[in-house]
Amino acid sequence: MALAPYYNTPGMQEPALLGVIQHAETLARFEYSKRPTEDRNGLWWDQYSDRIFTIDGDRAARVLKTVAYVVVDEDPDGQPVVEKWPLRSNRRYVPQA
């Protein structure tokens, strides 16, 4: 399981963790949050506004109920290279008041 480098606490500076997804084929689990608007200088923020935490860092993504679109690289023209991840589950965390 790839955990975020922080957890939800009152008054935290990072975007709140939204949940944990499980890849349907590999069964790997990943926590995710909203991306900060300044992340990667705002590149692709309108299309990929989520951030998936991986074992080697994080990736810009768009997480839906049954699928996640994950930016895995950038082509020579600066466009995102995206993988479509089928999801076995998407468990949303309960927001803290």
N, C-alpha and C. Protein backbone atom coordinates (compact mmCIF):
# COMPACT_ATOMS: atom_id res chain seq x y z
N MET A 1 0.84 -1.17 0.00
CA MET A 1 0.00 0.00 0.00
C MET A 1 0.89 1.23 0.00
N ALA A 2 0.58 2.18 -0.87
CA ALA A 2 1.32 3.43 -0.92
C ALA A 2 0.57 4.47 -0.11
N LEU A 3 1.11 4.80 1.04
CA LEU A 3 0.48 5.77 1.93
C LEU A 3 1.00 7.16 1.64
N ALA A 4 0.17 8.14 1.91
CA ALA A 4 0.59 9.54 1.79
C ALA A 4 1.63 9.82 2.86
N PRO A 5 2.50 10.81 2.65
CA PRO A 5 3.53 11.13 3.65
C PRO A 5 2.97 11.94 4.83
N TYR A 6 1.67 12.08 4.91
CA TYR A 6 1.02 12.79 6.02
C TYR A 6 -0.36 12.17 6.24
N TYR A 7 -1.06 12.62 7.26
CA TYR A 7 -2.41 12.15 7.50
C TYR A 7 -3.29 13.34 7.85
N ASN A 8 -4.59 13.16 7.79
CA ASN A 8 -5.52 14.26 8.04
C ASN A 8 -5.51 14.66 9.52
N THR A 9 -5.19 15.91 9.76
CA THR A 9 -5.21 16.46 11.12
C THR A 9 -5.82 17.86 11.05
N PRO A 10 -6.43 18.32 12.12
CA PRO A 10 -6.98 19.69 12.12
C PRO A 10 -5.87 20.72 11.88
N GLY A 11 -6.16 21.70 11.03
CA GLY A 11 -5.22 22.78 10.77
C GLY A 11 -4.05 22.42 9.87
N MET A 12 -4.10 21.29 9.21
CA MET A 12 -2.97 20.89 8.36
C MET A 12 -2.86 21.78 7.12
N GLN A 13 -1.66 21.86 6.56
CA GLN A 13 -1.39 22.71 5.40
C GLN A 13 -1.61 21.99 4.08
N GLU A 14 -1.41 20.69 4.06
CA GLU A 14 -1.56 19.89 2.83
C GLU A 14 -3.05 19.68 2.53
N PRO A 15 -3.40 19.41 1.25
CA PRO A 15 -4.79 19.08 0.94
C PRO A 15 -5.20 17.80 1.67
N ALA A 16 -6.43 17.76 2.14
CA ALA A 16 -6.92 16.60 2.88
C ALA A 16 -6.88 15.34 2.01
N LEU A 17 -6.54 14.24 2.63
CA LEU A 17 -6.60 12.95 1.94
C LEU A 17 -8.06 12.62 1.69
N LEU A 18 -8.37 12.21 0.47
CA LEU A 18 -9.76 11.95 0.09
C LEU A 18 -10.15 10.49 0.24
N GLY A 19 -9.18 9.58 0.10
CA GLY A 19 -9.51 8.17 0.20
C GLY A 19 -8.37 7.28 -0.23
N VAL A 20 -8.73 6.03 -0.47
CA VAL A 20 -7.76 5.02 -0.91
C VAL A 20 -8.40 4.22 -2.03
N ILE A 21 -7.62 4.00 -3.10
CA ILE A 21 -8.09 3.21 -4.23
C ILE A 21 -7.31 1.90 -4.29
N GLN A 22 -7.92 0.90 -4.92
CA GLN A 22 -7.23 -0.37 -5.13
C GLN A 22 -7.29 -0.69 -6.62
N HIS A 23 -6.12 -0.90 -7.20
CA HIS A 23 -6.00 -1.25 -8.62
C HIS A 23 -6.62 -2.63 -8.82
N ALA A 24 -7.47 -2.77 -9.84
CA ALA A 24 -8.21 -4.01 -10.05
C ALA A 24 -7.32 -5.19 -10.44
N GLU A 25 -6.23 -4.92 -11.16
CA GLU A 25 -5.40 -6.02 -11.66
C GLU A 25 -4.25 -6.37 -10.71
N THR A 26 -3.59 -5.37 -10.15
CA THR A 26 -2.43 -5.63 -9.29
C THR A 26 -2.82 -5.73 -7.82
N LEU A 27 -4.01 -5.25 -7.47
CA LEU A 27 -4.51 -5.20 -6.09
C LEU A 27 -3.73 -4.24 -5.20
N ALA A 28 -2.85 -3.44 -5.79
CA ALA A 28 -2.11 -2.43 -5.03
C ALA A 28 -3.07 -1.33 -4.59
N ARG A 29 -2.79 -0.76 -3.41
CA ARG A 29 -3.63 0.31 -2.86
C ARG A 29 -2.84 1.61 -2.83
N PHE A 30 -3.55 2.71 -3.07
CA PHE A 30 -2.93 4.03 -3.12
C PHE A 30 -3.85 5.04 -2.46
N GLU A 31 -3.30 5.86 -1.56
CA GLU A 31 -4.07 6.97 -1.02
C GLU A 31 -4.02 8.11 -2.03
N TYR A 32 -5.04 8.99 -1.96
CA TYR A 32 -5.06 10.12 -2.88
C TYR A 32 -5.67 11.35 -2.22
N SER A 33 -5.36 12.51 -2.81
CA SER A 33 -5.86 13.80 -2.34
C SER A 33 -6.08 14.69 -3.55
N LYS A 34 -6.57 15.89 -3.33
CA LYS A 34 -6.59 16.90 -4.39
C LYS A 34 -5.16 17.38 -4.58
N ARG A 35 -4.82 17.78 -5.79
CA ARG A 35 -3.50 18.36 -6.05
C ARG A 35 -3.49 19.82 -5.64
N PRO A 36 -2.40 20.27 -5.03
CA PRO A 36 -2.28 21.72 -4.82
C PRO A 36 -2.23 22.40 -6.20
N THR A 37 -2.82 23.58 -6.32
CA THR A 37 -2.86 24.24 -7.63
C THR A 37 -1.48 24.57 -8.18
N GLU A 38 -0.48 24.75 -7.31
CA GLU A 38 0.88 25.05 -7.78
C GLU A 38 1.69 23.80 -8.11
N ASP A 39 1.12 22.62 -7.88
CA ASP A 39 1.82 21.36 -8.16
C ASP A 39 2.17 21.28 -9.64
N ARG A 40 3.42 20.99 -9.93
CA ARG A 40 3.92 20.89 -11.31
C ARG A 40 3.59 22.16 -12.11
N ASN A 41 3.71 23.30 -11.43
CA ASN A 41 3.43 24.61 -12.03
C ASN A 41 2.01 24.70 -12.60
N GLY A 42 1.10 23.93 -12.05
CA GLY A 42 -0.29 23.98 -12.50
C GLY A 42 -0.57 23.23 -13.79
N LEU A 43 0.44 22.54 -14.34
CA LEU A 43 0.23 21.80 -15.58
C LEU A 43 -0.88 20.77 -15.42
N TRP A 44 -1.75 20.73 -16.35
CA TRP A 44 -2.85 19.76 -16.46
C TRP A 44 -3.79 19.77 -15.26
N TRP A 45 -3.77 20.83 -14.45
CA TRP A 45 -4.57 20.83 -13.22
C TRP A 45 -6.06 20.70 -13.51
N ASP A 46 -6.53 21.32 -14.59
CA ASP A 46 -7.96 21.26 -14.90
C ASP A 46 -8.41 19.85 -15.28
N GLN A 47 -7.54 19.05 -15.88
CA GLN A 47 -7.89 17.68 -16.28
C GLN A 47 -7.53 16.65 -15.22
N TYR A 48 -6.44 16.88 -14.50
CA TYR A 48 -5.93 15.91 -13.53
C TYR A 48 -5.73 16.61 -12.18
N SER A 49 -6.83 16.83 -11.49
CA SER A 49 -6.80 17.63 -10.26
C SER A 49 -6.56 16.80 -9.00
N ASP A 50 -6.41 15.49 -9.15
CA ASP A 50 -6.12 14.64 -8.00
C ASP A 50 -4.64 14.28 -7.96
N ARG A 51 -4.20 13.80 -6.81
CA ARG A 51 -2.81 13.38 -6.63
C ARG A 51 -2.82 12.01 -5.97
N ILE A 52 -2.23 11.03 -6.66
CA ILE A 52 -2.12 9.68 -6.13
C ILE A 52 -0.71 9.51 -5.57
N PHE A 53 -0.63 9.02 -4.34
CA PHE A 53 0.67 8.79 -3.71
C PHE A 53 1.15 7.39 -4.07
N THR A 54 2.37 7.32 -4.60
CA THR A 54 2.96 6.04 -4.99
C THR A 54 4.20 5.79 -4.14
N ILE A 55 4.75 4.62 -4.28
CA ILE A 55 5.92 4.24 -3.49
C ILE A 55 7.11 5.15 -3.79
N ASP A 56 7.16 5.72 -5.01
CA ASP A 56 8.29 6.57 -5.40
C ASP A 56 7.92 8.05 -5.53
N GLY A 57 6.84 8.48 -4.89
CA GLY A 57 6.45 9.89 -4.95
C GLY A 57 4.96 10.04 -5.12
N ASP A 58 4.58 10.87 -6.09
CA ASP A 58 3.15 11.04 -6.36
C ASP A 58 2.94 11.29 -7.84
N ARG A 59 1.70 11.13 -8.28
CA ARG A 59 1.34 11.30 -9.68
C ARG A 59 0.08 12.13 -9.78
N ALA A 60 0.02 13.00 -10.78
CA ALA A 60 -1.21 13.72 -11.08
C ALA A 60 -2.20 12.70 -11.65
N ALA A 61 -3.47 12.87 -11.31
CA ALA A 61 -4.46 11.89 -11.74
C ALA A 61 -5.87 12.48 -11.72
N ARG A 62 -6.77 11.72 -12.27
CA ARG A 62 -8.21 12.00 -12.16
C ARG A 62 -8.84 10.72 -11.66
N VAL A 63 -9.31 10.72 -10.44
CA VAL A 63 -9.85 9.52 -9.81
C VAL A 63 -11.38 9.56 -9.90
N LEU A 64 -11.94 8.53 -10.50
CA LEU A 64 -13.39 8.39 -10.59
C LEU A 64 -13.82 7.17 -9.77
N LYS A 65 -15.07 6.76 -9.86
CA LYS A 65 -15.55 5.62 -9.07
C LYS A 65 -14.87 4.30 -9.42
N THR A 66 -14.79 4.00 -10.70
CA THR A 66 -14.31 2.68 -11.12
C THR A 66 -13.03 2.72 -11.95
N VAL A 67 -12.50 3.91 -12.18
CA VAL A 67 -11.30 4.05 -13.01
C VAL A 67 -10.53 5.29 -12.55
N ALA A 68 -9.22 5.24 -12.74
CA ALA A 68 -8.37 6.42 -12.49
C ALA A 68 -7.52 6.64 -13.73
N TYR A 69 -7.40 7.89 -14.13
CA TYR A 69 -6.53 8.28 -15.23
C TYR A 69 -5.29 8.90 -14.59
N VAL A 70 -4.15 8.24 -14.76
CA VAL A 70 -2.93 8.61 -14.04
C VAL A 70 -1.86 9.08 -15.02
N VAL A 71 -1.31 10.26 -14.76
CA VAL A 71 -0.22 10.79 -15.58
C VAL A 71 1.06 10.09 -15.14
N VAL A 72 1.65 9.31 -16.06
CA VAL A 72 2.85 8.54 -15.73
C VAL A 72 4.12 9.13 -16.33
N ASP A 73 3.96 10.04 -17.28
CA ASP A 73 5.13 10.63 -17.94
C ASP A 73 4.67 11.86 -18.71
N GLU A 74 5.62 12.46 -19.39
CA GLU A 74 5.35 13.62 -20.23
C GLU A 74 6.04 13.38 -21.56
N ASP A 75 5.33 13.62 -22.68
CA ASP A 75 5.95 13.40 -23.98
C ASP A 75 6.85 14.59 -24.34
N PRO A 76 7.61 14.52 -25.44
CA PRO A 76 8.54 15.60 -25.80
C PRO A 76 7.87 16.96 -25.99
N ASP A 77 6.56 16.96 -26.31
CA ASP A 77 5.83 18.22 -26.49
C ASP A 77 5.25 18.76 -25.19
N GLY A 78 5.51 18.07 -24.07
CA GLY A 78 5.00 18.53 -22.79
C GLY A 78 3.59 18.06 -22.46
N GLN A 79 3.05 17.18 -23.29
CA GLN A 79 1.71 16.65 -23.05
C GLN A 79 1.78 15.45 -22.11
N PRO A 80 0.76 15.24 -21.28
CA PRO A 80 0.80 14.12 -20.35
C PRO A 80 0.64 12.77 -21.05
N VAL A 81 1.38 11.79 -20.55
CA VAL A 81 1.20 10.40 -20.97
C VAL A 81 0.38 9.76 -19.87
N VAL A 82 -0.80 9.26 -20.23
CA VAL A 82 -1.78 8.83 -19.23
C VAL A 82 -2.04 7.34 -19.33
N GLU A 83 -2.10 6.68 -18.16
CA GLU A 83 -2.52 5.28 -18.08
C GLU A 83 -3.92 5.25 -17.46
N LYS A 84 -4.74 4.35 -17.96
CA LYS A 84 -6.08 4.15 -17.40
C LYS A 84 -6.00 2.96 -16.44
N TRP A 85 -6.24 3.21 -15.16
CA TRP A 85 -6.19 2.17 -14.14
C TRP A 85 -7.61 1.73 -13.79
N PRO A 86 -7.95 0.47 -14.03
CA PRO A 86 -9.25 -0.02 -13.55
C PRO A 86 -9.18 -0.17 -12.03
N LEU A 87 -10.25 0.23 -11.35
CA LEU A 87 -10.25 0.19 -9.89
C LEU A 87 -11.14 -0.93 -9.37
N ARG A 88 -10.63 -1.66 -8.42
CA ARG A 88 -11.42 -2.67 -7.73
C ARG A 88 -12.29 -1.99 -6.67
N SER A 89 -11.71 -0.95 -6.03
CA SER A 89 -12.47 -0.20 -5.03
C SER A 89 -11.96 1.23 -4.94
N ASN A 90 -12.82 2.09 -4.47
CA ASN A 90 -12.48 3.48 -4.20
C ASN A 90 -13.20 3.83 -2.90
N ARG A 91 -12.47 3.74 -1.82
CA ARG A 91 -13.05 4.01 -0.50
C ARG A 91 -12.74 5.45 -0.11
N ARG A 92 -13.78 6.27 -0.05
CA ARG A 92 -13.63 7.68 0.34
C ARG A 92 -13.55 7.80 1.86
N TYR A 93 -12.65 8.64 2.33
CA TYR A 93 -12.55 8.90 3.75
C TYR A 93 -13.68 9.83 4.18
N VAL A 94 -14.11 9.69 5.40
CA VAL A 94 -15.14 10.57 5.96
C VAL A 94 -14.49 11.90 6.28
N PRO A 95 -15.04 13.01 5.74
CA PRO A 95 -14.44 14.32 6.03
C PRO A 95 -14.51 14.65 7.52
N GLN A 96 -13.44 15.26 8.01
CA GLN A 96 -13.42 15.67 9.40
C GLN A 96 -14.01 17.06 9.53
N ALA A 97 -14.79 17.27 10.57
CA ALA A 97 -15.42 18.57 10.78
C ALA A 97 -14.47 19.58 11.37
